[in-house]
Structures are given as C-alpha cells and as structure tokens.
PDB file of all heavy atoms in Angstrom:
ATOM      1  N   PHE A   1    -141.574 -12.816  14.282  1.00  0.00           N
ATOM      2  CA  PHE A   1    -140.687 -13.971  14.142  1.00  0.00           C
ATOM      3  C   PHE A   1    -139.403 -13.744  14.943  1.00  0.00           C
ATOM      4  O   PHE A   1    -138.847 -12.637  14.952  1.00  0.00           O
ATOM      5  CB  PHE A   1    -140.330 -14.205  12.679  1.00  0.00           C
ATOM      6  CG  PHE A   1    -141.491 -14.653  11.835  1.00  0.00           C
ATOM      7  CD1 PHE A   1    -142.286 -13.722  11.179  1.00  0.00           C
ATOM      8  CD2 PHE A   1    -141.808 -15.995  11.716  1.00  0.00           C
ATOM      9  CE1 PHE A   1    -143.369 -14.131  10.410  1.00  0.00           C
ATOM     10  CE2 PHE A   1    -142.880 -16.408  10.953  1.00  0.00           C
ATOM     11  CZ  PHE A   1    -143.667 -15.467  10.296  1.00  0.00           C
ATOM     12  N   ILE A   2    -138.956 -14.815  15.577  1.00  0.00           N
ATOM     13  CA  ILE A   2    -137.697 -14.770  16.319  1.00  0.00           C
ATOM     14  C   ILE A   2    -136.842 -15.958  15.898  1.00  0.00           C
ATOM     15  O   ILE A   2    -137.274 -17.113  15.996  1.00  0.00           O
ATOM     16  CB  ILE A   2    -137.934 -14.814  17.841  1.00  0.00           C
ATOM     17  CG1 ILE A   2    -138.785 -13.623  18.293  1.00  0.00           C
ATOM     18  CG2 ILE A   2    -136.597 -14.812  18.587  1.00  0.00           C
ATOM     19  CD1 ILE A   2    -139.148 -13.647  19.769  1.00  0.00           C
ATOM     20  N   GLY A   3    -135.638 -15.678  15.433  1.00  0.00           N
ATOM     21  CA  GLY A   3    -134.696 -16.724  15.070  1.00  0.00           C
ATOM     22  C   GLY A   3    -133.702 -16.943  16.195  1.00  0.00           C
ATOM     23  O   GLY A   3    -133.167 -15.972  16.752  1.00  0.00           O
ATOM     24  N   ILE A   4    -133.467 -18.199  16.517  1.00  0.00           N
ATOM     25  CA  ILE A   4    -132.562 -18.550  17.621  1.00  0.00           C
ATOM     26  C   ILE A   4    -131.408 -19.381  17.068  1.00  0.00           C
ATOM     27  O   ILE A   4    -131.631 -20.358  16.340  1.00  0.00           O
ATOM     28  CB  ILE A   4    -133.311 -19.341  18.702  1.00  0.00           C
ATOM     29  CG1 ILE A   4    -134.438 -18.481  19.297  1.00  0.00           C
ATOM     30  CG2 ILE A   4    -132.356 -19.806  19.808  1.00  0.00           C
ATOM     31  CD1 ILE A   4    -135.374 -19.245  20.202  1.00  0.00           C
ATOM     32  N   GLU A   5    -130.199 -18.989  17.394  1.00  0.00           N
ATOM     33  CA  GLU A   5    -129.015 -19.694  16.920  1.00  0.00           C
ATOM     34  C   GLU A   5    -127.934 -19.643  17.991  1.00  0.00           C
ATOM     35  O   GLU A   5    -127.740 -18.612  18.644  1.00  0.00           O
ATOM     36  CB  GLU A   5    -128.512 -19.069  15.619  1.00  0.00           C
ATOM     37  CG  GLU A   5    -127.240 -19.673  15.059  1.00  0.00           C
ATOM     38  CD  GLU A   5    -127.351 -21.172  14.796  1.00  0.00           C
ATOM     39  OE1 GLU A   5    -128.320 -21.597  14.139  1.00  0.00           O
ATOM     40  OE2 GLU A   5    -126.459 -21.906  15.279  1.00  0.00           O
ATOM     41  N   LYS A   6    -127.232 -20.744  18.153  1.00  0.00           N
ATOM     42  CA  LYS A   6    -126.233 -20.871  19.211  1.00  0.00           C
ATOM     43  C   LYS A   6    -124.886 -20.261  18.846  1.00  0.00           C
ATOM     44  O   LYS A   6    -124.177 -19.721  19.706  1.00  0.00           O
ATOM     45  CB  LYS A   6    -126.058 -22.353  19.548  1.00  0.00           C
ATOM     46  CG  LYS A   6    -125.040 -22.655  20.618  1.00  0.00           C
ATOM     47  CD  LYS A   6    -124.977 -24.161  20.881  1.00  0.00           C
ATOM     48  CE  LYS A   6    -123.956 -24.509  21.943  1.00  0.00           C
ATOM     49  NZ  LYS A   6    -123.904 -25.975  22.197  1.00  0.00           N
ATOM     50  N   TYR A   7    -124.524 -20.310  17.566  1.00  0.00           N
ATOM     51  CA  TYR A   7    -123.152 -19.997  17.190  1.00  0.00           C
ATOM     52  C   TYR A   7    -122.993 -18.565  16.677  1.00  0.00           C
ATOM     53  O   TYR A   7    -123.719 -18.119  15.774  1.00  0.00           O
ATOM     54  CB  TYR A   7    -122.667 -20.988  16.130  1.00  0.00           C
ATOM     55  CG  TYR A   7    -122.675 -22.415  16.621  1.00  0.00           C
ATOM     56  CD1 TYR A   7    -123.682 -23.300  16.235  1.00  0.00           C
ATOM     57  CD2 TYR A   7    -121.694 -22.872  17.493  1.00  0.00           C
ATOM     58  CE1 TYR A   7    -123.699 -24.613  16.699  1.00  0.00           C
ATOM     59  CE2 TYR A   7    -121.707 -24.174  17.959  1.00  0.00           C
ATOM     60  CZ  TYR A   7    -122.706 -25.040  17.561  1.00  0.00           C
ATOM     61  OH  TYR A   7    -122.731 -26.323  18.028  1.00  0.00           O
ATOM     62  N   ASP A   8    -122.022 -17.850  17.246  1.00  0.00           N
ATOM     63  CA  ASP A   8    -121.755 -16.461  16.874  1.00  0.00           C
ATOM     64  C   ASP A   8    -121.529 -16.299  15.379  1.00  0.00           C
ATOM     65  O   ASP A   8    -122.057 -15.374  14.752  1.00  0.00           O
ATOM     66  CB  ASP A   8    -120.508 -15.944  17.603  1.00  0.00           C
ATOM     67  CG  ASP A   8    -120.726 -15.759  19.094  1.00  0.00           C
ATOM     68  OD1 ASP A   8    -121.847 -16.029  19.560  1.00  0.00           O
ATOM     69  OD2 ASP A   8    -119.782 -15.340  19.780  1.00  0.00           O
ATOM     70  N   SER A   9    -120.693 -17.163  14.820  1.00  0.00           N
ATOM     71  CA  SER A   9    -120.321 -17.019  13.414  1.00  0.00           C
ATOM     72  C   SER A   9    -121.529 -17.168  12.500  1.00  0.00           C
ATOM     73  O   SER A   9    -121.630 -16.479  11.475  1.00  0.00           O
ATOM     74  CB  SER A   9    -119.247 -18.044  13.038  1.00  0.00           C
ATOM     75  OG  SER A   9    -118.053 -17.802  13.753  1.00  0.00           O
ATOM     76  N   VAL A  10    -122.439 -18.065  12.853  1.00  0.00           N
ATOM     77  CA  VAL A  10    -123.633 -18.267  12.033  1.00  0.00           C
ATOM     78  C   VAL A  10    -124.553 -17.056  12.142  1.00  0.00           C
ATOM     79  O   VAL A  10    -125.115 -16.582  11.145  1.00  0.00           O
ATOM     80  CB  VAL A  10    -124.370 -19.554  12.463  1.00  0.00           C
ATOM     81  CG1 VAL A  10    -125.605 -19.765  11.596  1.00  0.00           C
ATOM     82  CG2 VAL A  10    -123.444 -20.758  12.356  1.00  0.00           C
ATOM     83  N   VAL A  11    -124.722 -16.537  13.353  1.00  0.00           N
ATOM     84  CA  VAL A  11    -125.545 -15.344  13.553  1.00  0.00           C
ATOM     85  C   VAL A  11    -124.966 -14.169  12.764  1.00  0.00           C
ATOM     86  O   VAL A  11    -125.707 -13.403  12.135  1.00  0.00           O
ATOM     87  CB  VAL A  11    -125.637 -14.978  15.044  1.00  0.00           C
ATOM     88  CG1 VAL A  11    -126.362 -13.656  15.232  1.00  0.00           C
ATOM     89  CG2 VAL A  11    -126.362 -16.077  15.817  1.00  0.00           C
ATOM     90  N   ALA A  12    -123.651 -14.043  12.764  1.00  0.00           N
ATOM     91  CA  ALA A  12    -122.990 -12.939  12.059  1.00  0.00           C
ATOM     92  C   ALA A  12    -123.198 -13.030  10.553  1.00  0.00           C
ATOM     93  O   ALA A  12    -123.162 -12.007   9.852  1.00  0.00           O
ATOM     94  CB  ALA A  12    -121.502 -12.923  12.387  1.00  0.00           C
ATOM     95  N   LYS A  13    -123.415 -14.227  10.033  1.00  0.00           N
ATOM     96  CA  LYS A  13    -123.697 -14.377   8.605  1.00  0.00           C
ATOM     97  C   LYS A  13    -125.143 -14.012   8.285  1.00  0.00           C
ATOM     98  O   LYS A  13    -125.451 -13.575   7.180  1.00  0.00           O
ATOM     99  CB  LYS A  13    -123.422 -15.820   8.169  1.00  0.00           C
ATOM    100  CG  LYS A  13    -121.955 -16.191   8.162  1.00  0.00           C
ATOM    101  CD  LYS A  13    -121.763 -17.633   7.714  1.00  0.00           C
ATOM    102  CE  LYS A  13    -120.285 -18.002   7.701  1.00  0.00           C
ATOM    103  NZ  LYS A  13    -120.078 -19.421   7.291  1.00  0.00           N
ATOM    104  N   CYS A  14    -126.028 -14.203   9.265  1.00  0.00           N
ATOM    105  CA  CYS A  14    -127.445 -13.919   9.060  1.00  0.00           C
ATOM    106  C   CYS A  14    -127.756 -12.428   9.113  1.00  0.00           C
ATOM    107  O   CYS A  14    -128.481 -11.895   8.257  1.00  0.00           O
ATOM    108  CB  CYS A  14    -128.279 -14.653  10.110  1.00  0.00           C
ATOM    109  SG  CYS A  14    -130.018 -14.128  10.197  1.00  0.00           S
ATOM    110  N   LEU A  15    -127.215 -11.739  10.096  1.00  0.00           N
ATOM    111  CA  LEU A  15    -127.630 -10.364  10.397  1.00  0.00           C
ATOM    112  C   LEU A  15    -127.508  -9.394   9.210  1.00  0.00           C
ATOM    113  O   LEU A  15    -128.442  -8.616   8.960  1.00  0.00           O
ATOM    114  CB  LEU A  15    -126.848  -9.840  11.601  1.00  0.00           C
ATOM    115  CG  LEU A  15    -127.156 -10.546  12.935  1.00  0.00           C
ATOM    116  CD1 LEU A  15    -126.187 -10.067  14.019  1.00  0.00           C
ATOM    117  CD2 LEU A  15    -128.599 -10.288  13.360  1.00  0.00           C
ATOM    118  N   PRO A  16    -126.411  -9.396   8.459  1.00  0.00           N
ATOM    119  CA  PRO A  16    -126.302  -8.436   7.348  1.00  0.00           C
ATOM    120  C   PRO A  16    -127.295  -8.693   6.225  1.00  0.00           C
ATOM    121  O   PRO A  16    -127.506  -7.816   5.365  1.00  0.00           O
ATOM    122  CB  PRO A  16    -124.858  -8.640   6.851  1.00  0.00           C
ATOM    123  CG  PRO A  16    -124.130  -9.276   7.987  1.00  0.00           C
ATOM    124  CD  PRO A  16    -125.160 -10.152   8.642  1.00  0.00           C
ATOM    125  N   ARG A  17    -127.920  -9.851   6.196  1.00  0.00           N
ATOM    126  CA  ARG A  17    -128.849 -10.195   5.125  1.00  0.00           C
ATOM    127  C   ARG A  17    -130.290  -9.791   5.428  1.00  0.00           C
ATOM    128  O   ARG A  17    -131.171  -9.966   4.590  1.00  0.00           O
ATOM    129  CB  ARG A  17    -128.792 -11.705   4.870  1.00  0.00           C
ATOM    130  CG  ARG A  17    -127.378 -12.208   4.590  1.00  0.00           C
ATOM    131  CD  ARG A  17    -127.355 -13.697   4.339  1.00  0.00           C
ATOM    132  NE  ARG A  17    -125.979 -14.196   4.241  1.00  0.00           N
ATOM    133  CZ  ARG A  17    -125.639 -15.393   3.784  1.00  0.00           C
ATOM    134  NH1 ARG A  17    -126.578 -16.222   3.376  1.00  0.00           N
ATOM    135  NH2 ARG A  17    -124.375 -15.765   3.734  1.00  0.00           N
ATOM    136  N   ILE A  18    -130.525  -9.250   6.612  1.00  0.00           N
ATOM    137  CA  ILE A  18    -131.880  -8.868   7.002  1.00  0.00           C
ATOM    138  C   ILE A  18    -132.216  -7.490   6.439  1.00  0.00           C
ATOM    139  O   ILE A  18    -131.443  -6.542   6.588  1.00  0.00           O
ATOM    140  CB  ILE A  18    -132.018  -8.842   8.542  1.00  0.00           C
ATOM    141  CG1 ILE A  18    -131.722 -10.230   9.124  1.00  0.00           C
ATOM    142  CG2 ILE A  18    -133.423  -8.410   8.940  1.00  0.00           C
ATOM    143  CD1 ILE A  18    -131.728 -10.259  10.642  1.00  0.00           C
ATOM    144  N   ASP A  19    -133.364  -7.382   5.796  1.00  0.00           N
ATOM    145  CA  ASP A  19    -133.813  -6.090   5.282  1.00  0.00           C
ATOM    146  C   ASP A  19    -134.007  -5.114   6.432  1.00  0.00           C
ATOM    147  O   ASP A  19    -134.643  -5.439   7.443  1.00  0.00           O
ATOM    148  CB  ASP A  19    -135.125  -6.249   4.517  1.00  0.00           C
ATOM    149  CG  ASP A  19    -134.953  -7.037   3.226  1.00  0.00           C
ATOM    150  OD1 ASP A  19    -133.805  -7.191   2.779  1.00  0.00           O
ATOM    151  OD2 ASP A  19    -135.974  -7.504   2.676  1.00  0.00           O
ATOM    152  N   SER A  20    -133.509  -3.916   6.276  1.00  0.00           N
ATOM    153  CA  SER A  20    -133.515  -2.944   7.375  1.00  0.00           C
ATOM    154  C   SER A  20    -134.914  -2.507   7.791  1.00  0.00           C
ATOM    155  O   SER A  20    -135.102  -2.011   8.904  1.00  0.00           O
ATOM    156  CB  SER A  20    -132.694  -1.710   6.976  1.00  0.00           C
ATOM    157  OG  SER A  20    -133.246  -1.102   5.821  1.00  0.00           O
ATOM    158  N   ASP A  21    -135.910  -2.693   6.916  1.00  0.00           N
ATOM    159  CA  ASP A  21    -137.249  -2.217   7.226  1.00  0.00           C
ATOM    160  C   ASP A  21    -138.121  -3.260   7.924  1.00  0.00           C
ATOM    161  O   ASP A  21    -139.295  -2.997   8.213  1.00  0.00           O
ATOM    162  CB  ASP A  21    -137.959  -1.731   5.962  1.00  0.00           C
ATOM    163  CG  ASP A  21    -138.099  -2.833   4.918  1.00  0.00           C
ATOM    164  OD1 ASP A  21    -137.408  -3.868   5.049  1.00  0.00           O
ATOM    165  OD2 ASP A  21    -138.898  -2.657   3.978  1.00  0.00           O
ATOM    166  N   LEU A  22    -137.577  -4.424   8.211  1.00  0.00           N
ATOM    167  CA  LEU A  22    -138.361  -5.458   8.892  1.00  0.00           C
ATOM    168  C   LEU A  22    -138.479  -5.120  10.380  1.00  0.00           C
ATOM    169  O   LEU A  22    -137.481  -5.047  11.090  1.00  0.00           O
ATOM    170  CB  LEU A  22    -137.705  -6.836   8.733  1.00  0.00           C
ATOM    171  CG  LEU A  22    -137.828  -7.507   7.365  1.00  0.00           C
ATOM    172  CD1 LEU A  22    -137.099  -8.848   7.368  1.00  0.00           C
ATOM    173  CD2 LEU A  22    -139.283  -7.710   6.977  1.00  0.00           C
ATOM    174  N   ASP A  23    -139.699  -4.922  10.846  1.00  0.00           N
ATOM    175  CA  ASP A  23    -139.893  -4.615  12.264  1.00  0.00           C
ATOM    176  C   ASP A  23    -140.573  -5.757  13.018  1.00  0.00           C
ATOM    177  O   ASP A  23    -140.943  -5.606  14.176  1.00  0.00           O
ATOM    178  CB  ASP A  23    -140.694  -3.320  12.438  1.00  0.00           C
ATOM    179  CG  ASP A  23    -142.063  -3.378  11.756  1.00  0.00           C
ATOM    180  OD1 ASP A  23    -142.438  -4.450  11.245  1.00  0.00           O
ATOM    181  OD2 ASP A  23    -142.754  -2.339  11.738  1.00  0.00           O
ATOM    182  N   ASN A  24    -140.721  -6.893  12.353  1.00  0.00           N
ATOM    183  CA  ASN A  24    -141.352  -8.061  12.987  1.00  0.00           C
ATOM    184  C   ASN A  24    -140.384  -9.234  13.104  1.00  0.00           C
ATOM    185  O   ASN A  24    -140.784 -10.388  13.154  1.00  0.00           O
ATOM    186  CB  ASN A  24    -142.590  -8.492  12.206  1.00  0.00           C
ATOM    187  CG  ASN A  24    -142.266  -8.949  10.784  1.00  0.00           C
ATOM    188  OD1 ASN A  24    -141.333  -8.436  10.153  1.00  0.00           O
ATOM    189  ND2 ASN A  24    -143.041  -9.898  10.272  1.00  0.00           N
ATOM    190  N   LEU A  25    -139.085  -8.932  13.157  1.00  0.00           N
ATOM    191  CA  LEU A  25    -138.064  -9.971  13.239  1.00  0.00           C
ATOM    192  C   LEU A  25    -137.031  -9.616  14.295  1.00  0.00           C
ATOM    193  O   LEU A  25    -136.552  -8.480  14.366  1.00  0.00           O
ATOM    194  CB  LEU A  25    -137.369 -10.148  11.886  1.00  0.00           C
ATOM    195  CG  LEU A  25    -136.199 -11.139  11.833  1.00  0.00           C
ATOM    196  CD1 LEU A  25    -136.668 -12.541  12.190  1.00  0.00           C
ATOM    197  CD2 LEU A  25    -135.559 -11.130  10.442  1.00  0.00           C
ATOM    198  N   ALA A  26    -136.699 -10.606  15.122  1.00  0.00           N
ATOM    199  CA  ALA A  26    -135.638 -10.464  16.119  1.00  0.00           C
ATOM    200  C   ALA A  26    -134.767 -11.716  16.078  1.00  0.00           C
ATOM    201  O   ALA A  26    -135.235 -12.798  15.721  1.00  0.00           O
ATOM    202  CB  ALA A  26    -136.224 -10.277  17.520  1.00  0.00           C
ATOM    203  N   ILE A  27    -133.507 -11.552  16.424  1.00  0.00           N
ATOM    204  CA  ILE A  27    -132.558 -12.659  16.443  1.00  0.00           C
ATOM    205  C   ILE A  27    -131.983 -12.792  17.848  1.00  0.00           C
ATOM    206  O   ILE A  27    -131.608 -11.792  18.476  1.00  0.00           O
ATOM    207  CB  ILE A  27    -131.410 -12.428  15.438  1.00  0.00           C
ATOM    208  CG1 ILE A  27    -131.963 -12.180  14.028  1.00  0.00           C
ATOM    209  CG2 ILE A  27    -130.448 -13.611  15.449  1.00  0.00           C
ATOM    210  CD1 ILE A  27    -132.766 -13.329  13.454  1.00  0.00           C
ATOM    211  N   ILE A  28    -131.914 -14.041  18.323  1.00  0.00           N
ATOM    212  CA  ILE A  28    -131.350 -14.313  19.645  1.00  0.00           C
ATOM    213  C   ILE A  28    -130.190 -15.292  19.493  1.00  0.00           C
ATOM    214  O   ILE A  28    -130.325 -16.332  18.847  1.00  0.00           O
ATOM    215  CB  ILE A  28    -132.405 -14.900  20.595  1.00  0.00           C
ATOM    216  CG1 ILE A  28    -133.552 -13.912  20.805  1.00  0.00           C
ATOM    217  CG2 ILE A  28    -131.778 -15.271  21.934  1.00  0.00           C
ATOM    218  CD1 ILE A  28    -134.684 -14.470  21.643  1.00  0.00           C
ATOM    219  N   ARG A  29    -129.086 -14.964  20.119  1.00  0.00           N
ATOM    220  CA  ARG A  29    -127.922 -15.847  20.132  1.00  0.00           C
ATOM    221  C   ARG A  29    -127.887 -16.540  21.489  1.00  0.00           C
ATOM    222  O   ARG A  29    -127.579 -15.926  22.513  1.00  0.00           O
ATOM    223  CB  ARG A  29    -126.658 -15.021  19.899  1.00  0.00           C
ATOM    224  CG  ARG A  29    -125.355 -15.801  19.996  1.00  0.00           C
ATOM    225  CD  ARG A  29    -124.175 -14.876  19.889  1.00  0.00           C
ATOM    226  NE  ARG A  29    -124.310 -13.710  20.772  1.00  0.00           N
ATOM    227  CZ  ARG A  29    -123.336 -12.833  20.993  1.00  0.00           C
ATOM    228  NH1 ARG A  29    -122.171 -12.949  20.417  1.00  0.00           N
ATOM    229  NH2 ARG A  29    -123.539 -11.813  21.814  1.00  0.00           N
ATOM    230  N   MET A  30    -128.212 -17.835  21.523  1.00  0.00           N
ATOM    231  CA  MET A  30    -128.223 -18.551  22.801  1.00  0.00           C
ATOM    232  C   MET A  30    -128.316 -20.051  22.562  1.00  0.00           C
ATOM    233  O   MET A  30    -128.659 -20.519  21.475  1.00  0.00           O
ATOM    234  CB  MET A  30    -129.404 -18.105  23.667  1.00  0.00           C
ATOM    235  CG  MET A  30    -130.757 -18.586  23.193  1.00  0.00           C
ATOM    236  SD  MET A  30    -132.059 -18.219  24.401  1.00  0.00           S
ATOM    237  CE  MET A  30    -133.446 -19.086  23.654  1.00  0.00           C
ATOM    238  N   ASP A  31    -128.024 -20.800  23.602  1.00  0.00           N
ATOM    239  CA  ASP A  31    -128.226 -22.240  23.620  1.00  0.00           C
ATOM    240  C   ASP A  31    -129.705 -22.504  23.860  1.00  0.00           C
ATOM    241  O   ASP A  31    -130.310 -21.912  24.753  1.00  0.00           O
ATOM    242  CB  ASP A  31    -127.394 -22.869  24.741  1.00  0.00           C
ATOM    243  CG  ASP A  31    -127.355 -24.384  24.676  1.00  0.00           C
ATOM    244  OD1 ASP A  31    -128.423 -25.000  24.446  1.00  0.00           O
ATOM    245  OD2 ASP A  31    -126.280 -24.966  24.880  1.00  0.00           O
ATOM    246  N   ALA A  32    -130.301 -23.377  23.064  1.00  0.00           N
ATOM    247  CA  ALA A  32    -131.743 -23.643  23.169  1.00  0.00           C
ATOM    248  C   ALA A  32    -132.142 -24.200  24.533  1.00  0.00           C
ATOM    249  O   ALA A  32    -133.320 -24.117  24.910  1.00  0.00           O
ATOM    250  CB  ALA A  32    -132.174 -24.611  22.066  1.00  0.00           C
TER     251      ALA A  32
END
C-alpha cells in the first residue's frame, strides 16, 4: 500500500501513527 498526500502537515500527522513493523506501507508527499 502507498498513501499519497500533498500537504506536509497532514503527512506529519499520519507518520507517527504507523506501526513500526509494517513493511508493506509507504507514504509519498506530492501533488497528484
């Protein structure tokens, strides 16, 4: 799974909530 989000502040709220053992998830900060 890859989550895409444009806004820094929103991405910063998401990242600390991700379980550290998930190896099938990536986050991208960009304009779609």
